[in-house]
Amino acid sequence: MLQKPKILIIDSNLGVLDLLNEVVNTDREYSLFIESKKINAQDAVYAKKPDLILLCADSSVCLSTGEALLSLKECPPFVLMGKVFASERAAADIVKKFKPMDTITLPFELEEICQKIENDSMIAAGMIDELTELWKKPCFDFKLDRLMRKKTDGIFFCVSLNAYSFAANPSRPLQIQMAVFALKQRFPEALLGISGNIVLGFLPTDKPKKDFEKRINEVLSEMIEAAEKPVIFIPAGACESGDYGYSPEDMLLYADKAMEISGHEGKNRIKFYK
């Protein structure tokens, strides 16, 4: 039986292995394995003797790992993936040391595809709320934390759906679904989750908060219309990520305080914590 060609992937994003198996290795013609750390990659070369190395060229860490492999006696040929950090002199100097067989330019964004794979895995693990189809809080927290580690500017907000508990027509589950649908329609680019009856959201944006306030207040009006009677108020609070050191805990704390103030005012307007 012929042995499958073995390919070592050097990439810090483990989702790339799933990606390549899904879009390239669909018939499992190749034996793929992935490493990112120098010592692990060196061990993999010695033990598994790969025929080819796919090296992520847009990561200085991966380039450094690849550079370490060049010193091995039996180093397989390299194929560089992605865009080289030409603007970083150190990374560019490392790249010059390679004699790659070829350079792959992928016709899609790796991060986008890997995100889809991650989402599919989380959905399969039951991390989606059945009624609203929003991320459950543990999953929302995980995704938000990753955005904050990248110092992503934007607006964190929370909207209380508790008022729907007292509205008799239409049914409460339907009201909540209509309210969440309105949020999804107006903020398709936002990360949305749910905790109890509170919708949590983060909108990556560098626009003035007035733009967000206008959009969210229009949504609140639509959400109120979902409850025919009695008249209800929907409190909502928000804060800007950069004002709180990109801390998910602090953003939740102060957006929640702002939501409480919004509820006391009873004007169906979002309140920013100041």
Protein backbone atom coordinates (compact mmCIF):
# COMPACT_ATOMS: atom_id res chain seq x y z
CA MET A 1 0.00 0.00 0.00
CA LEU A 2 1.37 3.38 -1.01
CA GLN A 3 2.11 5.74 1.85
CA LYS A 4 0.26 9.04 1.82
CA PRO A 5 2.43 12.13 1.29
CA LYS A 6 3.04 13.75 4.67
CA ILE A 7 2.71 17.51 5.05
CA LEU A 8 3.76 19.49 8.11
CA ILE A 9 1.85 22.77 8.58
CA ILE A 10 3.59 25.50 10.57
CA ASP A 11 0.83 27.80 11.79
CA SER A 12 -0.26 29.13 15.19
CA ASN A 13 -3.93 28.95 14.18
CA LEU A 14 -4.93 25.33 14.77
CA GLY A 15 -8.11 25.87 12.76
CA VAL A 16 -5.98 25.90 9.60
CA LEU A 17 -5.65 22.11 9.86
CA ASP A 18 -9.44 21.71 9.78
CA LEU A 19 -9.61 24.24 6.97
CA LEU A 20 -7.11 22.44 4.75
CA ASN A 21 -8.74 19.09 5.43
CA GLU A 22 -12.08 20.61 4.46
CA VAL A 23 -11.11 22.47 1.29
CA VAL A 24 -7.93 20.75 0.06
CA ASN A 25 -7.67 17.29 1.57
CA THR A 26 -11.30 16.24 1.08
CA ASP A 27 -10.36 12.76 -0.15
CA ARG A 28 -7.69 12.40 2.54
CA GLU A 29 -4.95 11.98 -0.05
CA TYR A 30 -2.43 13.54 2.31
CA SER A 31 -1.41 13.05 5.91
CA LEU A 32 -1.57 16.52 7.46
CA PHE A 33 -0.30 17.56 10.88
CA ILE A 34 0.28 20.98 12.42
CA GLU A 35 2.78 22.55 14.81
CA SER A 36 3.84 26.09 15.69
CA LYS A 37 6.49 25.84 18.42
CA LYS A 38 10.10 25.25 17.40
CA ILE A 39 10.78 22.20 19.55
CA ASN A 40 7.53 20.47 18.53
CA ALA A 41 8.12 21.20 14.85
CA GLN A 42 11.68 19.84 15.05
CA ASP A 43 10.43 16.67 16.75
CA ALA A 44 7.77 16.29 14.05
CA VAL A 45 10.38 16.53 11.29
CA TYR A 46 12.55 13.87 12.96
CA ALA A 47 9.71 11.50 13.86
CA LYS A 48 7.27 11.84 10.96
CA LYS A 49 9.67 12.82 8.18
CA PRO A 50 7.27 15.07 6.23
CA ASP A 51 7.63 15.39 2.47
CA LEU A 52 6.67 19.06 2.50
CA ILE A 53 6.29 21.96 4.93
CA LEU A 54 3.52 24.54 4.54
CA LEU A 55 4.80 27.60 6.36
CA CYS A 56 2.56 30.50 7.41
CA ALA A 57 4.52 33.49 6.12
CA ASP A 58 2.38 36.19 7.74
CA SER A 59 3.40 35.25 11.28
CA SER A 60 6.80 36.20 12.67
CA VAL A 61 6.51 33.35 15.22
CA CYS A 62 5.95 30.78 12.47
CA LEU A 63 8.75 32.24 10.37
CA SER A 64 11.08 31.89 13.34
CA THR A 65 10.03 28.25 13.70
CA GLY A 66 10.67 27.68 10.01
CA GLU A 67 14.09 29.29 10.32
CA ALA A 68 14.98 26.82 13.08
CA LEU A 69 14.02 23.91 10.83
CA LEU A 70 16.43 25.11 8.13
CA SER A 71 19.34 24.03 10.32
CA LEU A 72 18.21 20.39 10.33
CA LYS A 73 20.14 17.95 8.16
CA GLU A 74 17.06 16.50 6.52
CA CYS A 75 14.81 19.50 6.14
CA PRO A 76 11.99 19.06 3.59
CA PRO A 77 11.17 21.78 1.05
CA PHE A 78 8.96 24.69 2.05
CA VAL A 79 5.84 26.23 0.57
CA LEU A 80 5.06 29.69 1.90
CA MET A 81 1.41 30.51 2.64
CA GLY A 82 -0.08 33.97 3.00
CA LYS A 83 1.47 37.41 2.74
CA VAL A 84 4.99 37.94 4.01
CA PHE A 85 5.49 40.62 6.65
CA ALA A 86 7.68 42.61 4.29
CA SER A 87 7.26 45.69 6.45
CA GLU A 88 9.01 43.96 9.33
CA ARG A 89 12.71 43.87 8.56
CA ALA A 90 13.44 40.87 10.79
CA ALA A 91 10.67 38.81 9.21
CA ALA A 92 11.70 39.85 5.71
CA ASP A 93 15.30 38.83 6.42
CA ILE A 94 14.14 35.40 7.59
CA VAL A 95 12.10 34.87 4.44
CA LYS A 96 15.19 35.48 2.29
CA LYS A 97 16.77 32.37 3.83
CA PHE A 98 14.12 30.06 2.42
CA LYS A 99 14.26 28.49 -1.00
CA PRO A 100 10.58 27.68 -1.36
CA MET A 101 9.24 25.33 -4.01
CA ASP A 102 6.28 27.61 -4.51
CA THR A 103 4.24 30.33 -2.88
CA ILE A 104 0.53 29.82 -2.29
CA THR A 105 -1.85 32.77 -2.46
CA LEU A 106 -5.16 31.57 -1.08
CA PRO A 107 -8.33 32.86 -2.82
CA PHE A 108 -10.04 33.45 0.54
CA GLU A 109 -9.34 34.85 3.98
CA LEU A 110 -8.02 32.17 6.31
CA GLU A 111 -9.42 33.88 9.39
CA GLU A 112 -12.91 34.03 7.90
CA ILE A 113 -12.96 30.32 7.01
CA CYS A 114 -11.47 29.31 10.37
CA GLN A 115 -14.14 31.40 12.09
CA LYS A 116 -16.82 29.47 10.22
CA ILE A 117 -15.29 26.16 11.31
CA GLU A 118 -15.16 27.37 14.92
CA ASN A 119 -18.79 28.53 14.80
CA ASP A 120 -19.93 25.21 13.37
CA SER A 121 -18.14 23.40 16.20
CA MET A 122 -19.74 25.63 18.84
CA ILE A 123 -23.18 25.18 17.33
CA ALA A 124 -22.68 21.41 17.39
CA ALA A 125 -21.71 21.70 21.07
CA GLY A 126 -25.06 23.37 21.88
CA MET A 127 -23.70 26.89 22.40
CA ILE A 128 -26.65 28.51 20.59
CA ASP A 129 -29.78 29.57 22.49
CA GLU A 130 -32.72 27.71 20.95
CA LEU A 131 -35.28 30.53 21.23
CA THR A 132 -33.19 33.46 19.99
CA GLU A 133 -30.42 31.65 18.07
CA LEU A 134 -27.89 33.91 19.81
CA TRP A 135 -24.64 32.73 21.36
CA LYS A 136 -24.99 31.57 24.95
CA LYS A 137 -23.00 33.68 27.41
CA PRO A 138 -19.95 31.37 27.82
CA CYS A 139 -19.46 31.36 24.07
CA PHE A 140 -20.15 35.10 23.79
CA ASP A 141 -17.59 35.75 26.55
CA PHE A 142 -14.99 33.64 24.74
CA LYS A 143 -15.44 35.51 21.46
CA LEU A 144 -15.54 38.92 23.16
CA ASP A 145 -12.38 38.19 25.13
CA ARG A 146 -10.55 37.38 21.91
CA LEU A 147 -11.67 40.68 20.37
CA MET A 148 -10.54 42.60 23.44
CA ARG A 149 -7.13 40.93 23.40
CA LYS A 150 -6.77 42.48 19.95
CA LYS A 151 -7.75 45.90 21.40
CA THR A 152 -10.75 46.10 19.11
CA ASP A 153 -12.48 49.47 19.24
CA GLY A 154 -16.23 49.39 19.41
CA ILE A 155 -19.34 49.62 21.54
CA PHE A 156 -20.45 47.07 24.10
CA PHE A 157 -24.17 47.13 24.82
CA CYS A 158 -26.85 45.24 26.69
CA VAL A 159 -30.61 45.28 26.23
CA SER A 160 -33.10 43.94 28.77
CA LEU A 161 -36.02 41.87 27.50
CA ASN A 162 -37.52 41.46 30.97
CA ALA A 163 -40.44 43.76 30.15
CA TYR A 164 -41.83 41.21 27.73
CA SER A 165 -42.69 39.01 30.71
CA PHE A 166 -45.62 41.33 31.46
CA ALA A 167 -46.98 41.73 27.96
CA ALA A 168 -49.87 39.45 27.09
CA ASN A 169 -50.18 39.87 23.36
CA PRO A 170 -48.53 38.41 21.31
CA SER A 171 -46.96 35.55 23.27
CA ARG A 172 -43.75 36.32 25.15
CA PRO A 173 -41.52 33.89 23.18
CA LEU A 174 -42.71 35.40 19.91
CA GLN A 175 -42.10 38.93 21.20
CA ILE A 176 -38.55 38.03 22.19
CA GLN A 177 -37.90 36.43 18.81
CA MET A 178 -39.21 39.55 17.04
CA ALA A 179 -37.06 41.80 19.23
CA VAL A 180 -33.90 39.79 18.60
CA PHE A 181 -34.66 39.65 14.88
CA ALA A 182 -34.80 43.46 14.83
CA LEU A 183 -31.36 43.62 16.50
CA LYS A 184 -29.88 41.13 14.07
CA GLN A 185 -31.26 43.02 11.08
CA ARG A 186 -29.87 46.38 12.20
CA PHE A 187 -26.53 45.06 13.46
CA PRO A 188 -25.49 42.13 11.26
CA GLU A 189 -21.83 42.91 11.94
CA ALA A 190 -22.22 42.76 15.74
CA LEU A 191 -21.34 39.89 18.06
CA LEU A 192 -24.58 39.04 19.86
CA GLY A 193 -25.24 36.78 22.82
CA ILE A 194 -27.85 36.22 25.49
CA SER A 195 -27.76 35.74 29.25
CA GLY A 196 -31.16 35.08 30.80
CA ASN A 197 -33.37 37.85 29.42
CA ILE A 198 -30.47 40.19 28.64
CA VAL A 199 -29.14 40.52 25.10
CA LEU A 200 -25.41 41.28 25.05
CA GLY A 201 -23.68 42.77 22.06
CA PHE A 202 -20.41 44.17 20.79
CA LEU A 203 -20.27 46.27 17.65
CA PRO A 204 -16.76 46.77 16.22
CA THR A 205 -16.73 50.34 14.94
CA ASP A 206 -14.61 53.48 14.78
CA LYS A 207 -17.57 55.73 14.02
CA PRO A 208 -18.90 58.30 16.52
CA LYS A 209 -21.23 56.80 19.09
CA LYS A 210 -24.03 59.10 17.84
CA ASP A 211 -24.33 56.86 14.79
CA PHE A 212 -24.80 53.82 17.02
CA GLU A 213 -27.25 55.65 19.30
CA LYS A 214 -29.46 56.53 16.34
CA ARG A 215 -29.49 52.96 15.05
CA ILE A 216 -30.08 51.29 18.42
CA ASN A 217 -32.85 53.71 19.40
CA GLU A 218 -34.63 52.94 16.15
CA VAL A 219 -34.35 49.25 17.01
CA LEU A 220 -35.75 49.85 20.49
CA SER A 221 -38.78 51.50 18.91
CA GLU A 222 -39.30 48.44 16.72
CA MET A 223 -38.92 46.16 19.73
CA ILE A 224 -41.58 48.09 21.64
CA GLU A 225 -43.97 47.74 18.73
CA ALA A 226 -43.60 43.96 19.05
CA ALA A 227 -45.64 44.17 22.26
CA GLU A 228 -49.13 45.43 21.47
CA LYS A 229 -50.13 45.75 25.11
CA PRO A 230 -49.49 46.79 27.75
CA VAL A 231 -47.10 49.66 27.01
CA ILE A 232 -43.56 48.62 27.99
CA PHE A 233 -40.14 50.18 28.37
CA ILE A 234 -36.96 48.51 27.15
CA PRO A 235 -33.83 49.66 29.00
CA ALA A 236 -30.48 49.52 27.22
CA GLY A 237 -26.98 50.49 28.28
CA ALA A 238 -23.67 50.85 26.48
CA CYS A 239 -20.03 51.84 26.80
CA GLU A 240 -17.04 52.18 24.48
CA SER A 241 -14.37 49.49 24.73
CA GLY A 242 -11.42 51.88 24.66
CA ASP A 243 -12.74 53.80 27.67
CA TYR A 244 -12.45 50.74 29.90
CA GLY A 245 -9.11 49.30 28.89
CA TYR A 246 -10.72 46.71 26.61
CA SER A 247 -11.78 44.79 29.72
CA PRO A 248 -14.86 42.58 29.10
CA GLU A 249 -15.63 42.54 32.83
CA ASP A 250 -15.56 46.33 33.16
CA MET A 251 -17.56 46.85 29.98
CA LEU A 252 -20.30 44.53 31.22
CA LEU A 253 -20.30 46.21 34.64
CA TYR A 254 -20.68 49.75 33.32
CA ALA A 255 -23.03 48.93 30.46
CA ASP A 256 -25.24 47.17 33.01
CA LYS A 257 -25.19 50.28 35.23
CA ALA A 258 -26.10 52.42 32.23
CA MET A 259 -28.95 50.03 31.41
CA GLU A 260 -30.26 50.42 34.96
CA ILE A 261 -30.26 54.22 34.57
CA SER A 262 -32.04 53.84 31.23
CA GLY A 263 -34.72 51.75 32.93
CA HIS A 264 -35.28 54.38 35.62
CA GLU A 265 -35.66 57.11 33.00
CA GLY A 266 -38.20 55.00 31.07
CA LYS A 267 -37.62 56.72 27.74
CA ASN A 268 -36.72 53.71 25.57
CA ARG A 269 -33.36 55.27 24.79
CA ILE A 270 -29.95 53.73 25.18
CA LYS A 271 -27.79 55.21 27.89
CA PHE A 272 -24.01 55.42 27.77
CA TYR A 273 -22.23 55.17 31.09
CA LYS A 274 -20.19 58.30 31.81
